[in-house]
Amino acid sequence: MSQEEEQLDQELRLLRKEVQQITQHRLFTTQSTVGKILALSFGRGLAFGLGSVIGASFLVSVVVYSLSQIDFIPVIGEWASRIAEQIQGVE
């Protein structure tokens, strides 16, 4: 065998070893089909999106409520009160 053939043989062995490690990974052994992997990824995306929307809604409502309680700073208090009124639909 020439040196080039030995290098190719060694690289092929290493490549086979890496592919074997990838296919034995927990993700591939627990969800063996593409459909299961896609469903899991879709579910994760939905959960992340829903959590982001709920968290942002809660954070915005707390900030607006807190700002609307500030009466000693006229500009911020009036501004926050108008925002709170618009959110509640009161004109």
N, C-alpha and C. Protein backbone atom coordinates (compact mmCIF):
# COMPACT_ATOMS: atom_id res chain seq x y z
N MET A 1 0.83 -1.19 0.00
CA MET A 1 0.00 0.00 0.00
C MET A 1 0.87 1.24 0.00
N SER A 2 0.48 2.20 -0.77
CA SER A 2 1.23 3.44 -0.80
C SER A 2 0.81 4.32 0.38
N GLN A 3 1.55 5.38 0.59
CA GLN A 3 1.28 6.26 1.71
C GLN A 3 -0.07 6.97 1.55
N GLU A 4 -0.42 7.34 0.33
CA GLU A 4 -1.70 8.00 0.07
C GLU A 4 -2.86 7.06 0.38
N GLU A 5 -2.72 5.79 0.00
CA GLU A 5 -3.79 4.82 0.26
C GLU A 5 -3.93 4.59 1.76
N GLU A 6 -2.84 4.59 2.49
CA GLU A 6 -2.89 4.42 3.94
C GLU A 6 -3.58 5.62 4.60
N GLN A 7 -3.29 6.81 4.12
CA GLN A 7 -3.94 8.00 4.66
C GLN A 7 -5.45 7.98 4.38
N LEU A 8 -5.81 7.59 3.17
CA LEU A 8 -7.23 7.50 2.83
C LEU A 8 -7.93 6.44 3.68
N ASP A 9 -7.24 5.32 3.89
CA ASP A 9 -7.80 4.24 4.70
C ASP A 9 -8.00 4.72 6.14
N GLN A 10 -7.02 5.44 6.66
CA GLN A 10 -7.13 5.96 8.03
C GLN A 10 -8.26 6.99 8.13
N GLU A 11 -8.36 7.88 7.17
CA GLU A 11 -9.43 8.88 7.18
C GLU A 11 -10.80 8.23 7.06
N LEU A 12 -10.89 7.17 6.26
CA LEU A 12 -12.15 6.45 6.12
C LEU A 12 -12.54 5.79 7.43
N ARG A 13 -11.58 5.24 8.14
CA ARG A 13 -11.87 4.64 9.46
C ARG A 13 -12.36 5.70 10.45
N LEU A 14 -11.68 6.84 10.45
CA LEU A 14 -12.11 7.92 11.34
C LEU A 14 -13.50 8.42 11.00
N LEU A 15 -13.79 8.52 9.71
CA LEU A 15 -15.11 8.95 9.27
C LEU A 15 -16.18 7.95 9.70
N ARG A 16 -15.92 6.68 9.55
CA ARG A 16 -16.87 5.65 9.99
C ARG A 16 -17.11 5.74 11.50
N LYS A 17 -16.04 5.99 12.25
CA LYS A 17 -16.17 6.11 13.70
C LYS A 17 -17.04 7.30 14.08
N GLU A 18 -16.84 8.43 13.41
CA GLU A 18 -17.65 9.62 13.68
C GLU A 18 -19.11 9.41 13.32
N VAL A 19 -19.38 8.79 12.19
CA VAL A 19 -20.76 8.52 11.78
C VAL A 19 -21.42 7.57 12.78
N GLN A 20 -20.70 6.60 13.26
CA GLN A 20 -21.24 5.67 14.24
C GLN A 20 -21.58 6.39 15.54
N GLN A 21 -20.71 7.31 15.97
CA GLN A 21 -20.99 8.07 17.18
C GLN A 21 -22.22 8.96 17.00
N ILE A 22 -22.36 9.55 15.84
CA ILE A 22 -23.53 10.41 15.59
C ILE A 22 -24.81 9.59 15.60
N THR A 23 -24.80 8.43 14.95
CA THR A 23 -26.02 7.63 14.89
C THR A 23 -26.36 6.99 16.22
N GLN A 24 -25.41 6.91 17.14
CA GLN A 24 -25.69 6.37 18.47
C GLN A 24 -26.03 7.46 19.47
N HIS A 25 -26.11 8.70 19.00
CA HIS A 25 -26.45 9.82 19.89
C HIS A 25 -27.87 9.62 20.42
N ARG A 26 -28.12 10.15 21.61
CA ARG A 26 -29.42 9.98 22.27
C ARG A 26 -30.58 10.49 21.43
N LEU A 27 -30.39 11.60 20.72
CA LEU A 27 -31.46 12.14 19.89
C LEU A 27 -31.91 11.14 18.83
N PHE A 28 -30.96 10.47 18.21
CA PHE A 28 -31.29 9.52 17.15
C PHE A 28 -31.79 8.19 17.70
N THR A 29 -31.37 7.82 18.88
CA THR A 29 -31.83 6.53 19.43
C THR A 29 -33.22 6.64 20.03
N THR A 30 -33.57 7.81 20.61
CA THR A 30 -34.90 7.94 21.21
C THR A 30 -35.96 8.31 20.18
N GLN A 31 -35.62 9.17 19.23
CA GLN A 31 -36.54 9.52 18.16
C GLN A 31 -35.95 9.00 16.85
N SER A 32 -36.29 7.79 16.54
CA SER A 32 -35.62 7.12 15.44
C SER A 32 -36.13 7.53 14.06
N THR A 33 -37.25 8.21 14.00
CA THR A 33 -37.78 8.59 12.69
C THR A 33 -37.71 10.09 12.50
N VAL A 34 -37.68 10.50 11.27
CA VAL A 34 -37.63 11.93 10.95
C VAL A 34 -38.91 12.61 11.43
N GLY A 35 -40.03 11.93 11.32
CA GLY A 35 -41.30 12.51 11.76
C GLY A 35 -41.30 12.83 13.23
N LYS A 36 -40.75 11.94 14.05
CA LYS A 36 -40.69 12.19 15.49
C LYS A 36 -39.77 13.36 15.81
N ILE A 37 -38.67 13.44 15.10
CA ILE A 37 -37.73 14.55 15.32
C ILE A 37 -38.39 15.87 14.93
N LEU A 38 -39.08 15.89 13.79
CA LEU A 38 -39.77 17.11 13.35
C LEU A 38 -40.88 17.50 14.33
N ALA A 39 -41.63 16.52 14.82
CA ALA A 39 -42.71 16.80 15.77
C ALA A 39 -42.15 17.37 17.06
N LEU A 40 -41.03 16.82 17.53
CA LEU A 40 -40.41 17.32 18.74
C LEU A 40 -39.91 18.75 18.54
N SER A 41 -39.29 19.03 17.42
CA SER A 41 -38.81 20.38 17.14
C SER A 41 -39.97 21.37 17.02
N PHE A 42 -41.04 20.95 16.38
CA PHE A 42 -42.23 21.80 16.24
C PHE A 42 -42.83 22.11 17.61
N GLY A 43 -42.92 21.09 18.46
CA GLY A 43 -43.44 21.30 19.81
C GLY A 43 -42.59 22.25 20.62
N ARG A 44 -41.28 22.11 20.51
CA ARG A 44 -40.38 23.02 21.21
C ARG A 44 -40.59 24.45 20.72
N GLY A 45 -40.73 24.62 19.41
CA GLY A 45 -40.94 25.96 18.85
C GLY A 45 -42.24 26.58 19.34
N LEU A 46 -43.30 25.77 19.38
CA LEU A 46 -44.58 26.28 19.89
C LEU A 46 -44.48 26.69 21.35
N ALA A 47 -43.83 25.87 22.15
CA ALA A 47 -43.69 26.18 23.57
C ALA A 47 -42.87 27.45 23.77
N PHE A 48 -41.80 27.59 23.01
CA PHE A 48 -40.97 28.79 23.13
C PHE A 48 -41.75 30.04 22.72
N GLY A 49 -42.50 29.95 21.62
CA GLY A 49 -43.28 31.08 21.15
C GLY A 49 -44.36 31.49 22.14
N LEU A 50 -45.07 30.51 22.66
CA LEU A 50 -46.13 30.78 23.63
C LEU A 50 -45.55 31.39 24.90
N GLY A 51 -44.46 30.83 25.37
CA GLY A 51 -43.82 31.37 26.57
C GLY A 51 -43.33 32.79 26.37
N SER A 52 -42.81 33.07 25.19
CA SER A 52 -42.34 34.43 24.90
C SER A 52 -43.49 35.43 24.90
N VAL A 53 -44.60 35.06 24.30
CA VAL A 53 -45.76 35.96 24.24
C VAL A 53 -46.33 36.19 25.63
N ILE A 54 -46.48 35.14 26.41
CA ILE A 54 -47.03 35.29 27.76
C ILE A 54 -46.09 36.12 28.63
N GLY A 55 -44.80 35.83 28.54
CA GLY A 55 -43.83 36.58 29.33
C GLY A 55 -43.79 38.05 28.96
N ALA A 56 -43.80 38.35 27.67
CA ALA A 56 -43.77 39.75 27.23
C ALA A 56 -45.05 40.47 27.66
N SER A 57 -46.19 39.81 27.56
CA SER A 57 -47.46 40.43 27.98
C SER A 57 -47.43 40.75 29.46
N PHE A 58 -46.95 39.82 30.25
CA PHE A 58 -46.87 40.04 31.70
C PHE A 58 -45.92 41.19 32.02
N LEU A 59 -44.77 41.20 31.38
CA LEU A 59 -43.77 42.25 31.64
C LEU A 59 -44.29 43.63 31.25
N VAL A 60 -44.92 43.73 30.09
CA VAL A 60 -45.46 45.02 29.65
C VAL A 60 -46.57 45.49 30.59
N SER A 61 -47.43 44.58 31.01
CA SER A 61 -48.52 44.99 31.91
C SER A 61 -47.98 45.46 33.26
N VAL A 62 -46.95 44.80 33.78
CA VAL A 62 -46.36 45.23 35.06
C VAL A 62 -45.69 46.59 34.91
N VAL A 63 -44.97 46.81 33.82
CA VAL A 63 -44.30 48.09 33.61
C VAL A 63 -45.32 49.22 33.45
N VAL A 64 -46.35 48.99 32.66
CA VAL A 64 -47.37 50.04 32.45
C VAL A 64 -48.12 50.32 33.75
N TYR A 65 -48.45 49.28 34.50
CA TYR A 65 -49.14 49.48 35.78
C TYR A 65 -48.25 50.27 36.74
N SER A 66 -46.98 49.90 36.79
CA SER A 66 -46.05 50.60 37.68
C SER A 66 -45.91 52.07 37.29
N LEU A 67 -45.80 52.33 36.00
CA LEU A 67 -45.68 53.71 35.55
C LEU A 67 -46.96 54.51 35.78
N SER A 68 -48.10 53.85 35.70
CA SER A 68 -49.36 54.57 35.91
C SER A 68 -49.55 54.94 37.38
N GLN A 69 -48.83 54.29 38.28
CA GLN A 69 -48.95 54.60 39.70
C GLN A 69 -48.07 55.78 40.11
N ILE A 70 -47.21 56.21 39.20
CA ILE A 70 -46.32 57.33 39.51
C ILE A 70 -47.09 58.62 39.30
N ASP A 71 -47.44 59.27 40.41
CA ASP A 71 -48.19 60.53 40.33
C ASP A 71 -47.31 61.74 40.62
N PHE A 72 -46.19 61.52 41.26
CA PHE A 72 -45.36 62.65 41.66
C PHE A 72 -44.51 63.20 40.53
N ILE A 73 -44.42 62.49 39.40
CA ILE A 73 -43.74 63.01 38.22
C ILE A 73 -44.83 63.26 37.18
N PRO A 74 -45.21 64.51 36.96
CA PRO A 74 -46.38 64.81 36.13
C PRO A 74 -46.31 64.26 34.70
N VAL A 75 -45.20 64.39 34.05
CA VAL A 75 -45.12 63.97 32.65
C VAL A 75 -45.25 62.46 32.53
N ILE A 76 -44.51 61.73 33.33
CA ILE A 76 -44.54 60.26 33.25
C ILE A 76 -45.88 59.73 33.74
N GLY A 77 -46.42 60.32 34.79
CA GLY A 77 -47.70 59.86 35.33
C GLY A 77 -48.83 60.03 34.33
N GLU A 78 -48.89 61.18 33.66
CA GLU A 78 -49.93 61.42 32.66
C GLU A 78 -49.75 60.50 31.46
N TRP A 79 -48.52 60.36 31.02
CA TRP A 79 -48.21 59.50 29.87
C TRP A 79 -48.60 58.05 30.17
N ALA A 80 -48.24 57.56 31.34
CA ALA A 80 -48.56 56.18 31.70
C ALA A 80 -50.06 56.00 31.88
N SER A 81 -50.73 57.02 32.41
CA SER A 81 -52.19 56.93 32.58
C SER A 81 -52.89 56.84 31.23
N ARG A 82 -52.42 57.64 30.25
CA ARG A 82 -53.02 57.58 28.91
C ARG A 82 -52.79 56.20 28.26
N ILE A 83 -51.59 55.66 28.46
CA ILE A 83 -51.32 54.31 27.92
C ILE A 83 -52.22 53.29 28.57
N ALA A 84 -52.38 53.37 29.89
CA ALA A 84 -53.24 52.43 30.59
C ALA A 84 -54.68 52.55 30.13
N GLU A 85 -55.15 53.77 29.89
CA GLU A 85 -56.52 53.98 29.41
C GLU A 85 -56.71 53.38 28.01
N GLN A 86 -55.72 53.58 27.14
CA GLN A 86 -55.84 53.02 25.80
C GLN A 86 -55.81 51.51 25.81
N ILE A 87 -54.99 50.93 26.69
CA ILE A 87 -54.96 49.47 26.78
C ILE A 87 -56.30 48.93 27.26
N GLN A 88 -56.91 49.64 28.22
CA GLN A 88 -58.20 49.18 28.75
C GLN A 88 -59.36 49.54 27.84
N GLY A 89 -59.13 50.39 26.86
CA GLY A 89 -60.17 50.77 25.91
C GLY A 89 -61.04 51.91 26.39
N VAL A 90 -60.63 52.60 27.43
CA VAL A 90 -61.38 53.74 27.96
C VAL A 90 -60.87 54.99 27.27
N GLU A 91 -61.81 55.82 26.79
CA GLU A 91 -61.42 57.06 26.11
C GLU A 91 -61.91 58.25 26.85
